[in-house]
Amino acid sequence: MARSRVKICGVTTPEALVACLSAGADAVGFNFVAASPRLLSLEGARGLGARAPHLMKVGVFVDADDSLLDAAVRAAGLNAIQLQGSEGPERVAALKARHGLPVWKAVGVRTAADIAAASRRYADADLLLLDAKPPEGAVLTGGNGLRFDWRILDEARPSLPWALAGGLTVETVAEAIVRTGAPMVDVASGVEDAPGIKSVAKIAAFVEAARRA
């Protein structure tokens, strides 16, 4: 099996970015969601993007308007757009056409039927990011540190490229990769000391654990 790629999401500081680069992460996520503790300003994104011209930079958005998306793509030099909100397939297609970039769609899953339905609905997305459904009343649609039952992937596999998110940690990422065969793993809270505060040590350990799987 080819090694799983690793995305560290919610990077906000030069120290965290350097940790991602040093560890050999494949991608970083820059979060442009106002309600998130990992919110990155456009100026911050510009600075971080300039420090990592060769690293894949993914912008994370929730129901964002074109003005924010346009500004973020330019500021950070984004290589992909991740939609984490209620965006439908029409929005996916529109952003692909507008920016000429891959568009990823994050979906909350609890059952095999959720995966099958998302694969059909977002067939034109470039990647499907499988995350746990947020708890009732949650402010954030992702990054809640929750995992879904990986066994449902035995029943339903996405019909397009996909990544696994939700509750991954240094301790669980190798098991997750072996259990699911995920081609990419995506972590945010699992490499933090507190919400929005990345741990250099945990980033290094997470990437190492993923590589050993």
N, C-alpha and C. Protein backbone atom coordinates (compact mmCIF):
# COMPACT_ATOMS: atom_id res chain seq x y z
N MET A 1 0.85 -1.20 0.00
CA MET A 1 0.00 0.00 0.00
C MET A 1 0.88 1.24 0.00
N ALA A 2 0.55 2.22 -0.83
CA ALA A 2 1.29 3.47 -0.85
C ALA A 2 1.12 4.19 0.49
N ARG A 3 2.14 4.93 0.87
CA ARG A 3 2.07 5.61 2.17
C ARG A 3 0.98 6.67 2.15
N SER A 4 0.38 6.86 3.29
CA SER A 4 -0.66 7.88 3.42
C SER A 4 -0.03 9.26 3.48
N ARG A 5 -0.62 10.21 2.80
CA ARG A 5 -0.18 11.58 2.91
C ARG A 5 -0.71 12.17 4.23
N VAL A 6 -0.04 13.20 4.71
CA VAL A 6 -0.39 13.79 6.01
C VAL A 6 -0.64 15.28 5.82
N LYS A 7 -1.79 15.74 6.30
CA LYS A 7 -2.12 17.17 6.31
C LYS A 7 -2.28 17.62 7.75
N ILE A 8 -1.54 18.66 8.11
CA ILE A 8 -1.67 19.28 9.42
C ILE A 8 -2.54 20.52 9.25
N CYS A 9 -3.70 20.52 9.85
CA CYS A 9 -4.68 21.59 9.61
C CYS A 9 -4.69 22.58 10.77
N GLY A 10 -4.97 23.84 10.43
CA GLY A 10 -5.07 24.87 11.45
C GLY A 10 -3.73 25.42 11.87
N VAL A 11 -2.78 25.46 10.94
CA VAL A 11 -1.46 26.04 11.23
C VAL A 11 -1.59 27.56 11.26
N THR A 12 -1.08 28.19 12.32
CA THR A 12 -1.24 29.65 12.46
C THR A 12 0.06 30.37 12.77
N THR A 13 1.14 29.65 13.07
CA THR A 13 2.39 30.31 13.48
C THR A 13 3.57 29.82 12.66
N PRO A 14 4.62 30.64 12.55
CA PRO A 14 5.83 30.17 11.86
C PRO A 14 6.42 28.92 12.50
N GLU A 15 6.35 28.84 13.83
CA GLU A 15 6.91 27.67 14.52
C GLU A 15 6.20 26.39 14.11
N ALA A 16 4.88 26.44 14.03
CA ALA A 16 4.11 25.26 13.62
C ALA A 16 4.39 24.92 12.16
N LEU A 17 4.52 25.95 11.33
CA LEU A 17 4.80 25.69 9.92
C LEU A 17 6.16 25.04 9.75
N VAL A 18 7.17 25.53 10.45
CA VAL A 18 8.50 24.93 10.39
C VAL A 18 8.46 23.49 10.87
N ALA A 19 7.67 23.23 11.92
CA ALA A 19 7.53 21.86 12.41
C ALA A 19 6.95 20.94 11.34
N CYS A 20 5.96 21.45 10.61
CA CYS A 20 5.36 20.66 9.52
C CYS A 20 6.39 20.38 8.43
N LEU A 21 7.15 21.39 8.07
CA LEU A 21 8.17 21.23 7.05
C LEU A 21 9.25 20.25 7.50
N SER A 22 9.70 20.41 8.74
CA SER A 22 10.77 19.56 9.27
C SER A 22 10.34 18.11 9.38
N ALA A 23 9.08 17.90 9.74
CA ALA A 23 8.57 16.53 9.91
C ALA A 23 8.29 15.85 8.57
N GLY A 24 8.15 16.66 7.51
CA GLY A 24 7.86 16.08 6.21
C GLY A 24 6.38 15.92 5.93
N ALA A 25 5.54 16.76 6.55
CA ALA A 25 4.11 16.72 6.23
C ALA A 25 3.91 17.07 4.76
N ASP A 26 2.84 16.54 4.18
CA ASP A 26 2.57 16.75 2.76
C ASP A 26 1.78 18.02 2.50
N ALA A 27 1.00 18.45 3.48
CA ALA A 27 0.12 19.60 3.28
C ALA A 27 -0.17 20.26 4.62
N VAL A 28 -0.51 21.54 4.55
CA VAL A 28 -0.97 22.26 5.74
C VAL A 28 -2.30 22.91 5.42
N GLY A 29 -3.12 23.07 6.44
CA GLY A 29 -4.39 23.75 6.29
C GLY A 29 -4.35 25.12 6.93
N PHE A 30 -4.76 26.13 6.18
CA PHE A 30 -4.91 27.48 6.70
C PHE A 30 -6.40 27.74 6.87
N ASN A 31 -6.80 28.04 8.09
CA ASN A 31 -8.21 28.12 8.44
C ASN A 31 -8.70 29.57 8.38
N PHE A 32 -9.72 29.79 7.56
CA PHE A 32 -10.30 31.13 7.40
C PHE A 32 -11.74 31.17 7.93
N VAL A 33 -11.99 30.41 8.99
CA VAL A 33 -13.32 30.32 9.59
C VAL A 33 -13.35 31.18 10.85
N ALA A 34 -14.19 32.20 10.85
CA ALA A 34 -14.17 33.20 11.93
C ALA A 34 -14.40 32.59 13.31
N ALA A 35 -15.23 31.54 13.39
CA ALA A 35 -15.56 30.97 14.70
C ALA A 35 -14.50 30.02 15.23
N SER A 36 -13.48 29.74 14.44
CA SER A 36 -12.49 28.73 14.82
C SER A 36 -11.36 29.31 15.66
N PRO A 37 -10.88 28.55 16.66
CA PRO A 37 -9.70 28.99 17.41
C PRO A 37 -8.44 28.96 16.54
N ARG A 38 -8.56 28.39 15.35
CA ARG A 38 -7.42 28.30 14.43
C ARG A 38 -7.51 29.33 13.30
N LEU A 39 -8.35 30.33 13.49
CA LEU A 39 -8.52 31.36 12.47
C LEU A 39 -7.19 32.02 12.14
N LEU A 40 -6.93 32.15 10.85
CA LEU A 40 -5.72 32.80 10.36
C LEU A 40 -6.12 34.05 9.58
N SER A 41 -5.49 35.16 9.88
CA SER A 41 -5.77 36.39 9.14
C SER A 41 -5.16 36.31 7.75
N LEU A 42 -5.63 37.16 6.86
CA LEU A 42 -5.07 37.20 5.52
C LEU A 42 -3.59 37.58 5.56
N GLU A 43 -3.25 38.50 6.44
CA GLU A 43 -1.85 38.90 6.57
C GLU A 43 -1.00 37.75 7.09
N GLY A 44 -1.56 37.03 8.07
CA GLY A 44 -0.85 35.86 8.59
C GLY A 44 -0.68 34.79 7.53
N ALA A 45 -1.71 34.59 6.74
CA ALA A 45 -1.63 33.60 5.67
C ALA A 45 -0.59 33.99 4.62
N ARG A 46 -0.51 35.27 4.35
CA ARG A 46 0.49 35.74 3.37
C ARG A 46 1.90 35.43 3.86
N GLY A 47 2.14 35.69 5.13
CA GLY A 47 3.46 35.44 5.68
C GLY A 47 3.82 33.97 5.71
N LEU A 48 2.88 33.14 6.14
CA LEU A 48 3.15 31.71 6.20
C LEU A 48 3.29 31.11 4.81
N GLY A 49 2.42 31.53 3.90
CA GLY A 49 2.49 31.00 2.54
C GLY A 49 3.82 31.29 1.88
N ALA A 50 4.36 32.48 2.13
CA ALA A 50 5.63 32.86 1.53
C ALA A 50 6.80 32.03 2.08
N ARG A 51 6.64 31.52 3.30
CA ARG A 51 7.71 30.72 3.91
C ARG A 51 7.72 29.28 3.42
N ALA A 52 6.66 28.87 2.75
CA ALA A 52 6.56 27.46 2.33
C ALA A 52 6.05 27.37 0.89
N PRO A 53 6.82 27.89 -0.06
CA PRO A 53 6.33 27.93 -1.44
C PRO A 53 6.09 26.55 -2.05
N HIS A 54 6.81 25.54 -1.55
CA HIS A 54 6.71 24.21 -2.18
C HIS A 54 5.78 23.25 -1.42
N LEU A 55 5.24 23.70 -0.28
CA LEU A 55 4.35 22.85 0.50
C LEU A 55 2.91 23.06 0.04
N MET A 56 2.14 21.99 -0.01
CA MET A 56 0.74 22.13 -0.41
C MET A 56 -0.03 22.89 0.67
N LYS A 57 -0.68 23.96 0.26
CA LYS A 57 -1.41 24.82 1.20
C LYS A 57 -2.90 24.76 0.85
N VAL A 58 -3.69 24.33 1.83
CA VAL A 58 -5.13 24.13 1.64
C VAL A 58 -5.88 25.16 2.47
N GLY A 59 -6.73 25.94 1.84
CA GLY A 59 -7.55 26.90 2.57
C GLY A 59 -8.85 26.27 3.03
N VAL A 60 -9.17 26.46 4.30
CA VAL A 60 -10.38 25.87 4.89
C VAL A 60 -11.42 26.97 5.08
N PHE A 61 -12.62 26.73 4.55
CA PHE A 61 -13.68 27.74 4.55
C PHE A 61 -15.01 27.11 4.94
N VAL A 62 -15.86 27.91 5.55
CA VAL A 62 -17.23 27.49 5.85
C VAL A 62 -18.18 28.52 5.23
N ASP A 63 -18.87 28.12 4.16
CA ASP A 63 -19.87 28.96 3.51
C ASP A 63 -19.34 30.38 3.26
N ALA A 64 -18.12 30.46 2.76
CA ALA A 64 -17.47 31.75 2.54
C ALA A 64 -17.93 32.39 1.24
N ASP A 65 -17.93 33.71 1.20
CA ASP A 65 -18.29 34.40 -0.03
C ASP A 65 -17.06 34.53 -0.94
N ASP A 66 -17.31 34.96 -2.17
CA ASP A 66 -16.23 35.01 -3.15
C ASP A 66 -15.14 35.99 -2.75
N SER A 67 -15.48 37.07 -2.08
CA SER A 67 -14.46 38.06 -1.73
C SER A 67 -13.43 37.49 -0.77
N LEU A 68 -13.88 36.73 0.23
CA LEU A 68 -12.94 36.11 1.15
C LEU A 68 -12.11 35.05 0.44
N LEU A 69 -12.76 34.22 -0.34
CA LEU A 69 -12.04 33.18 -1.06
C LEU A 69 -11.00 33.77 -2.00
N ASP A 70 -11.38 34.77 -2.75
CA ASP A 70 -10.45 35.40 -3.68
C ASP A 70 -9.23 35.94 -2.94
N ALA A 71 -9.49 36.65 -1.83
CA ALA A 71 -8.41 37.27 -1.08
C ALA A 71 -7.49 36.22 -0.46
N ALA A 72 -8.07 35.14 0.06
CA ALA A 72 -7.27 34.10 0.71
C ALA A 72 -6.43 33.34 -0.31
N VAL A 73 -7.00 33.02 -1.45
CA VAL A 73 -6.24 32.32 -2.49
C VAL A 73 -5.02 33.14 -2.90
N ARG A 74 -5.22 34.44 -3.07
CA ARG A 74 -4.11 35.31 -3.48
C ARG A 74 -3.08 35.46 -2.36
N ALA A 75 -3.56 35.71 -1.16
CA ALA A 75 -2.65 36.00 -0.04
C ALA A 75 -1.75 34.82 0.29
N ALA A 76 -2.34 33.64 0.38
CA ALA A 76 -1.59 32.47 0.84
C ALA A 76 -0.98 31.66 -0.28
N GLY A 77 -1.37 31.94 -1.52
CA GLY A 77 -0.92 31.09 -2.62
C GLY A 77 -1.47 29.69 -2.48
N LEU A 78 -2.77 29.60 -2.21
CA LEU A 78 -3.40 28.30 -1.94
C LEU A 78 -3.28 27.37 -3.14
N ASN A 79 -3.13 26.08 -2.82
CA ASN A 79 -3.09 25.03 -3.84
C ASN A 79 -4.38 24.24 -3.93
N ALA A 80 -5.25 24.39 -2.92
CA ALA A 80 -6.53 23.70 -2.91
C ALA A 80 -7.47 24.43 -1.97
N ILE A 81 -8.77 24.25 -2.20
CA ILE A 81 -9.81 24.87 -1.40
C ILE A 81 -10.61 23.77 -0.71
N GLN A 82 -10.73 23.84 0.61
CA GLN A 82 -11.49 22.87 1.38
C GLN A 82 -12.76 23.52 1.91
N LEU A 83 -13.90 22.97 1.53
CA LEU A 83 -15.20 23.51 1.94
C LEU A 83 -15.73 22.68 3.10
N GLN A 84 -15.92 23.35 4.23
CA GLN A 84 -16.25 22.65 5.47
C GLN A 84 -17.68 22.92 5.92
N GLY A 85 -18.45 23.67 5.12
CA GLY A 85 -19.78 24.06 5.55
C GLY A 85 -20.89 23.33 4.81
N SER A 86 -21.95 24.07 4.49
CA SER A 86 -23.12 23.47 3.86
C SER A 86 -23.10 23.63 2.34
N GLU A 87 -21.93 23.93 1.79
CA GLU A 87 -21.81 24.15 0.34
C GLU A 87 -22.30 22.92 -0.44
N GLY A 88 -23.08 23.18 -1.49
CA GLY A 88 -23.58 22.11 -2.32
C GLY A 88 -22.69 21.86 -3.53
N PRO A 89 -23.05 20.88 -4.35
CA PRO A 89 -22.24 20.56 -5.53
C PRO A 89 -22.11 21.71 -6.50
N GLU A 90 -23.12 22.58 -6.55
CA GLU A 90 -23.04 23.74 -7.45
C GLU A 90 -21.92 24.68 -7.02
N ARG A 91 -21.76 24.85 -5.71
CA ARG A 91 -20.69 25.71 -5.21
C ARG A 91 -19.32 25.10 -5.49
N VAL A 92 -19.23 23.80 -5.35
CA VAL A 92 -17.98 23.11 -5.68
C VAL A 92 -17.59 23.38 -7.13
N ALA A 93 -18.55 23.20 -8.03
CA ALA A 93 -18.28 23.40 -9.46
C ALA A 93 -17.92 24.86 -9.74
N ALA A 94 -18.62 25.78 -9.10
CA ALA A 94 -18.37 27.20 -9.35
C ALA A 94 -16.97 27.61 -8.90
N LEU A 95 -16.52 27.09 -7.78
CA LEU A 95 -15.20 27.46 -7.28
C LEU A 95 -14.09 26.81 -8.09
N LYS A 96 -14.33 25.60 -8.55
CA LYS A 96 -13.35 24.97 -9.44
C LYS A 96 -13.16 25.82 -10.70
N ALA A 97 -14.27 26.29 -11.25
CA ALA A 97 -14.20 27.10 -12.47
C ALA A 97 -13.58 28.46 -12.18
N ARG A 98 -13.90 29.05 -11.03
CA ARG A 98 -13.44 30.40 -10.72
C ARG A 98 -11.94 30.45 -10.46
N HIS A 99 -11.43 29.44 -9.73
CA HIS A 99 -10.04 29.50 -9.28
C HIS A 99 -9.10 28.54 -10.01
N GLY A 100 -9.65 27.55 -10.69
CA GLY A 100 -8.79 26.58 -11.35
C GLY A 100 -7.97 25.76 -10.37
N LEU A 101 -8.50 25.58 -9.17
CA LEU A 101 -7.82 24.81 -8.13
C LEU A 101 -8.66 23.59 -7.75
N PRO A 102 -8.01 22.55 -7.21
CA PRO A 102 -8.78 21.43 -6.67
C PRO A 102 -9.68 21.92 -5.53
N VAL A 103 -10.89 21.39 -5.49
CA VAL A 103 -11.83 21.71 -4.41
C VAL A 103 -12.15 20.44 -3.64
N TRP A 104 -11.88 20.49 -2.35
CA TRP A 104 -12.17 19.37 -1.46
C TRP A 104 -13.45 19.67 -0.70
N LYS A 105 -14.25 18.64 -0.45
CA LYS A 105 -15.48 18.82 0.34
C LYS A 105 -15.43 17.95 1.57
N ALA A 106 -15.52 18.58 2.73
CA ALA A 106 -15.58 17.86 3.99
C ALA A 106 -17.03 17.48 4.29
N VAL A 107 -17.23 16.25 4.73
CA VAL A 107 -18.57 15.78 5.06
C VAL A 107 -18.53 15.06 6.40
N GLY A 108 -19.57 15.29 7.20
CA GLY A 108 -19.71 14.57 8.45
C GLY A 108 -20.39 13.24 8.21
N VAL A 109 -19.80 12.19 8.74
CA VAL A 109 -20.37 10.85 8.53
C VAL A 109 -20.59 10.14 9.86
N ARG A 110 -21.64 9.33 9.87
CA ARG A 110 -21.92 8.48 11.02
C ARG A 110 -22.19 7.04 10.57
N THR A 111 -22.67 6.91 9.32
CA THR A 111 -23.04 5.59 8.80
C THR A 111 -22.46 5.39 7.41
N ALA A 112 -22.47 4.14 6.95
CA ALA A 112 -22.03 3.85 5.59
C ALA A 112 -22.89 4.58 4.56
N ALA A 113 -24.17 4.75 4.87
CA ALA A 113 -25.06 5.46 3.95
C ALA A 113 -24.62 6.91 3.77
N ASP A 114 -24.07 7.52 4.82
CA ASP A 114 -23.59 8.89 4.71
C ASP A 114 -22.46 8.99 3.68
N ILE A 115 -21.57 8.01 3.69
CA ILE A 115 -20.45 8.01 2.74
C ILE A 115 -20.95 7.82 1.32
N ALA A 116 -21.86 6.88 1.15
CA ALA A 116 -22.41 6.62 -0.19
C ALA A 116 -23.13 7.85 -0.73
N ALA A 117 -23.90 8.50 0.12
CA ALA A 117 -24.65 9.68 -0.31
C ALA A 117 -23.71 10.83 -0.67
N ALA A 118 -22.67 11.03 0.13
CA ALA A 118 -21.71 12.10 -0.14
C ALA A 118 -20.95 11.84 -1.43
N SER A 119 -20.62 10.59 -1.69
CA SER A 119 -19.91 10.24 -2.92
C SER A 119 -20.75 10.58 -4.14
N ARG A 120 -22.05 10.34 -4.04
CA ARG A 120 -22.93 10.67 -5.16
C ARG A 120 -23.10 12.17 -5.29
N ARG A 121 -23.34 12.84 -4.17
CA ARG A 121 -23.65 14.27 -4.23
C ARG A 121 -22.45 15.10 -4.67
N TYR A 122 -21.28 14.71 -4.21
CA TYR A 122 -20.08 15.51 -4.49
C TYR A 122 -19.14 14.78 -5.45
N ALA A 123 -19.70 14.11 -6.43
CA ALA A 123 -18.90 13.34 -7.38
C ALA A 123 -17.90 14.21 -8.13
N ASP A 124 -18.18 15.50 -8.25
CA ASP A 124 -17.28 16.39 -9.00
C ASP A 124 -16.22 17.04 -8.12
N ALA A 125 -16.25 16.78 -6.83
CA ALA A 125 -15.19 17.30 -5.97
C ALA A 125 -13.90 16.54 -6.28
N ASP A 126 -12.77 17.17 -5.96
CA ASP A 126 -11.49 16.53 -6.20
C ASP A 126 -11.09 15.59 -5.07
N LEU A 127 -11.67 15.81 -3.90
CA LEU A 127 -11.39 14.95 -2.76
C LEU A 127 -12.53 15.08 -1.76
N LEU A 128 -12.86 13.97 -1.11
CA LEU A 128 -13.89 13.94 -0.08
C LEU A 128 -13.18 13.74 1.26
N LEU A 129 -13.38 14.68 2.17
CA LEU A 129 -12.76 14.59 3.49
C LEU A 129 -13.80 14.05 4.47
N LEU A 130 -13.56 12.86 4.97
CA LEU A 130 -14.52 12.20 5.86
C LEU A 130 -14.21 12.56 7.30
N ASP A 131 -15.14 13.21 7.96
CA ASP A 131 -14.99 13.65 9.35
C ASP A 131 -16.19 13.14 10.13
N ALA A 132 -16.07 13.14 11.44
CA ALA A 132 -17.22 12.76 12.27
C ALA A 132 -18.26 13.88 12.24
N LYS A 133 -19.52 13.49 12.28
CA LYS A 133 -20.56 14.51 12.37
C LYS A 133 -20.39 15.29 13.67
N PRO A 134 -20.52 16.61 13.61
CA PRO A 134 -20.35 17.40 14.84
C PRO A 134 -21.48 17.11 15.82
N PRO A 135 -21.21 17.26 17.11
CA PRO A 135 -22.27 17.04 18.09
C PRO A 135 -23.35 18.10 17.99
N GLU A 136 -24.49 17.80 18.50
CA GLU A 136 -25.62 18.74 18.49
C GLU A 136 -25.21 20.06 19.14
N GLY A 137 -25.46 21.15 18.44
CA GLY A 137 -25.17 22.46 18.99
C GLY A 137 -23.73 22.90 18.85
N ALA A 138 -22.89 22.11 18.16
CA ALA A 138 -21.48 22.48 18.01
C ALA A 138 -21.34 23.73 17.15
N VAL A 139 -20.38 24.57 17.51
CA VAL A 139 -20.12 25.79 16.74
C VAL A 139 -19.36 25.45 15.46
N LEU A 140 -18.43 24.50 15.56
CA LEU A 140 -17.58 24.16 14.44
C LEU A 140 -18.08 22.92 13.72
N THR A 141 -17.96 22.92 12.38
CA THR A 141 -18.35 21.75 11.60
C THR A 141 -17.26 20.70 11.56
N GLY A 142 -16.05 21.06 11.92
CA GLY A 142 -14.94 20.13 11.97
C GLY A 142 -13.96 20.57 13.04
N GLY A 143 -12.90 19.77 13.23
CA GLY A 143 -11.92 20.12 14.24
C GLY A 143 -12.41 19.95 15.66
N ASN A 144 -13.40 19.08 15.86
CA ASN A 144 -13.96 18.86 17.20
C ASN A 144 -13.31 17.72 17.96
N GLY A 145 -12.33 17.07 17.33
CA GLY A 145 -11.62 16.00 18.01
C GLY A 145 -12.43 14.72 18.16
N LEU A 146 -13.45 14.54 17.33
CA LEU A 146 -14.30 13.35 17.40
C LEU A 146 -14.01 12.43 16.23
N ARG A 147 -14.12 11.14 16.46
CA ARG A 147 -13.93 10.18 15.37
C ARG A 147 -15.21 9.40 15.14
N PHE A 148 -15.38 8.94 13.91
CA PHE A 148 -16.50 8.05 13.63
C PHE A 148 -16.00 6.62 13.64
N ASP A 149 -16.91 5.69 13.55
CA ASP A 149 -16.56 4.27 13.56
C ASP A 149 -15.93 3.89 12.22
N TRP A 150 -14.64 3.66 12.23
CA TRP A 150 -13.93 3.38 10.98
C TRP A 150 -14.43 2.12 10.29
N ARG A 151 -15.12 1.26 11.02
CA ARG A 151 -15.60 0.01 10.40
C ARG A 151 -16.61 0.26 9.29
N ILE A 152 -17.24 1.43 9.29
CA ILE A 152 -18.21 1.67 8.23
C ILE A 152 -17.54 1.77 6.86
N LEU A 153 -16.22 2.02 6.86
CA LEU A 153 -15.51 2.06 5.58
C LEU A 153 -15.37 0.67 4.97
N ASP A 154 -15.62 -0.37 5.75
CA ASP A 154 -15.68 -1.72 5.19
C ASP A 154 -16.91 -1.90 4.31
N GLU A 155 -17.95 -1.14 4.62
CA GLU A 155 -19.21 -1.26 3.88
C GLU A 155 -19.31 -0.29 2.72
N ALA A 156 -18.70 0.88 2.87
CA ALA A 156 -18.83 1.90 1.84
C ALA A 156 -17.52 2.66 1.73
N ARG A 157 -16.98 2.68 0.51
CA ARG A 157 -15.78 3.45 0.23
C ARG A 157 -16.14 4.61 -0.68
N PRO A 158 -15.58 5.78 -0.47
CA PRO A 158 -15.84 6.86 -1.41
C PRO A 158 -15.43 6.47 -2.82
N SER A 159 -16.18 6.95 -3.78
CA SER A 159 -15.90 6.63 -5.18
C SER A 159 -14.96 7.66 -5.80
N LEU A 160 -14.41 8.54 -4.99
CA LEU A 160 -13.46 9.54 -5.45
C LEU A 160 -12.33 9.62 -4.43
N PRO A 161 -11.24 10.29 -4.74
CA PRO A 161 -10.16 10.41 -3.75
C PRO A 161 -10.69 10.92 -2.40
N TRP A 162 -10.10 10.42 -1.32
CA TRP A 162 -10.64 10.77 -0.02
C TRP A 162 -9.54 10.86 1.03
N ALA A 163 -9.88 11.49 2.14
CA ALA A 163 -8.98 11.61 3.28
C ALA A 163 -9.78 11.34 4.54
N LEU A 164 -9.06 10.93 5.59
CA LEU A 164 -9.69 10.61 6.87
C LEU A 164 -9.35 11.68 7.89
N ALA A 165 -10.37 12.19 8.56
CA ALA A 165 -10.19 13.18 9.62
C ALA A 165 -11.06 12.79 10.80
N GLY A 166 -10.89 13.53 11.89
CA GLY A 166 -11.78 13.32 13.03
C GLY A 166 -11.15 12.53 14.15
N GLY A 167 -10.67 13.22 15.16
CA GLY A 167 -10.18 12.54 16.36
C GLY A 167 -8.87 11.81 16.20
N LEU A 168 -8.11 12.09 15.16
CA LEU A 168 -6.82 11.42 14.98
C LEU A 168 -5.79 12.04 15.93
N THR A 169 -4.94 11.18 16.49
CA THR A 169 -3.89 11.62 17.41
C THR A 169 -2.62 10.84 17.10
N VAL A 170 -1.56 11.22 17.79
CA VAL A 170 -0.30 10.47 17.67
C VAL A 170 -0.54 9.00 17.99
N GLU A 171 -1.40 8.73 18.97
CA GLU A 171 -1.63 7.35 19.42
C GLU A 171 -2.52 6.55 18.48
N THR A 172 -3.36 7.22 17.70
CA THR A 172 -4.35 6.47 16.90
C THR A 172 -4.09 6.50 15.39
N VAL A 173 -3.20 7.36 14.92
CA VAL A 173 -3.10 7.54 13.47
C VAL A 173 -2.61 6.29 12.75
N ALA A 174 -1.66 5.57 13.33
CA ALA A 174 -1.17 4.37 12.66
C ALA A 174 -2.28 3.32 12.56
N GLU A 175 -3.02 3.14 13.65
CA GLU A 175 -4.15 2.20 13.62
C GLU A 175 -5.17 2.63 12.57
N ALA A 176 -5.43 3.91 12.49
CA ALA A 176 -6.41 4.41 11.52
C ALA A 176 -5.98 4.09 10.09
N ILE A 177 -4.71 4.29 9.80
CA ILE A 177 -4.22 4.03 8.44
C ILE A 177 -4.28 2.55 8.12
N VAL A 178 -3.83 1.72 9.06
CA VAL A 178 -3.86 0.27 8.83
C VAL A 178 -5.30 -0.22 8.71
N ARG A 179 -6.18 0.31 9.54
CA ARG A 179 -7.58 -0.17 9.57
C ARG A 179 -8.36 0.27 8.34
N THR A 180 -8.10 1.48 7.87
CA THR A 180 -8.94 2.02 6.79
C THR A 180 -8.25 2.10 5.44
N GLY A 181 -6.92 2.07 5.43
CA GLY A 181 -6.21 2.27 4.18
C GLY A 181 -6.34 3.69 3.66
N ALA A 182 -6.56 4.64 4.55
CA ALA A 182 -6.77 6.04 4.14
C ALA A 182 -5.59 6.55 3.33
N PRO A 183 -5.85 7.10 2.15
CA PRO A 183 -4.75 7.65 1.35
C PRO A 183 -4.21 8.96 1.89
N MET A 184 -4.99 9.61 2.77
CA MET A 184 -4.53 10.84 3.44
C MET A 184 -5.17 10.91 4.81
N VAL A 185 -4.40 11.39 5.78
CA VAL A 185 -4.94 11.64 7.12
C VAL A 185 -4.80 13.13 7.41
N ASP A 186 -5.79 13.68 8.11
CA ASP A 186 -5.88 15.12 8.35
C ASP A 186 -6.09 15.33 9.84
N VAL A 187 -5.21 16.11 10.46
CA VAL A 187 -5.29 16.31 11.91
C VAL A 187 -5.26 17.80 12.23
N ALA A 188 -6.02 18.18 13.24
CA ALA A 188 -5.99 19.55 13.75
C ALA A 188 -5.80 19.52 15.26
N SER A 189 -6.88 19.21 15.99
CA SER A 189 -6.81 19.23 17.46
C SER A 189 -5.88 18.17 18.01
N GLY A 190 -5.66 17.09 17.27
CA GLY A 190 -4.84 15.99 17.75
C GLY A 190 -3.35 16.30 17.87
N VAL A 191 -2.93 17.46 17.37
CA VAL A 191 -1.52 17.86 17.52
C VAL A 191 -1.44 19.22 18.21
N GLU A 192 -2.38 19.45 19.13
CA GLU A 192 -2.42 20.72 19.86
C GLU A 192 -2.29 20.51 21.36
N ASP A 193 -1.70 21.50 22.02
CA ASP A 193 -1.65 21.51 23.48
C ASP A 193 -2.90 22.15 24.08
N ALA A 194 -3.55 23.01 23.29
CA ALA A 194 -4.80 23.67 23.66
C ALA A 194 -5.45 24.07 22.34
N PRO A 195 -6.75 24.37 22.34
CA PRO A 195 -7.42 24.71 21.07
C PRO A 195 -6.69 25.83 20.32
N GLY A 196 -6.23 25.50 19.13
CA GLY A 196 -5.55 26.47 18.28
C GLY A 196 -4.06 26.60 18.54
N ILE A 197 -3.54 25.92 19.57
CA ILE A 197 -2.12 26.03 19.92
C ILE A 197 -1.41 24.73 19.52
N LYS A 198 -0.71 24.78 18.40
CA LYS A 198 -0.04 23.58 17.90
C LYS A 198 1.18 23.23 18.74
N SER A 199 1.43 21.93 18.87
CA SER A 199 2.60 21.41 19.57
C SER A 199 3.61 20.94 18.53
N VAL A 200 4.80 21.52 18.57
CA VAL A 200 5.86 21.13 17.65
C VAL A 200 6.18 19.65 17.82
N ALA A 201 6.24 19.20 19.07
CA ALA A 201 6.57 17.80 19.34
C ALA A 201 5.48 16.86 18.83
N LYS A 202 4.23 17.24 19.01
CA LYS A 202 3.13 16.38 18.56
C LYS A 202 3.06 16.32 17.03
N ILE A 203 3.36 17.43 16.37
CA ILE A 203 3.38 17.41 14.90
C ILE A 203 4.42 16.42 14.41
N ALA A 204 5.61 16.48 14.97
CA ALA A 204 6.68 15.57 14.57
C ALA A 204 6.31 14.12 14.85
N ALA A 205 5.74 13.88 16.02
CA ALA A 205 5.39 12.50 16.39
C ALA A 205 4.25 11.97 15.53
N PHE A 206 3.30 12.83 15.19
CA PHE A 206 2.16 12.40 14.36
C PHE A 206 2.63 11.98 12.98
N VAL A 207 3.46 12.81 12.36
CA VAL A 207 3.94 12.47 11.02
C VAL A 207 4.77 11.19 11.07
N GLU A 208 5.60 11.06 12.08
CA GLU A 208 6.42 9.85 12.20
C GLU A 208 5.54 8.60 12.36
N ALA A 209 4.51 8.71 13.20
CA ALA A 209 3.61 7.56 13.41
C ALA A 209 2.88 7.19 12.13
N ALA A 210 2.46 8.20 11.37
CA ALA A 210 1.79 7.94 10.10
C ALA A 210 2.72 7.25 9.11
N ARG A 211 3.96 7.65 9.10
CA ARG A 211 4.94 7.07 8.17
C ARG A 211 5.25 5.61 8.52
N ARG A 212 5.17 5.29 9.81
CA ARG A 212 5.47 3.92 10.24
C ARG A 212 4.32 2.95 9.96
N ALA A 213 3.15 3.47 9.71
CA ALA A 213 1.96 2.60 9.56
C ALA A 213 2.08 1.73 8.32
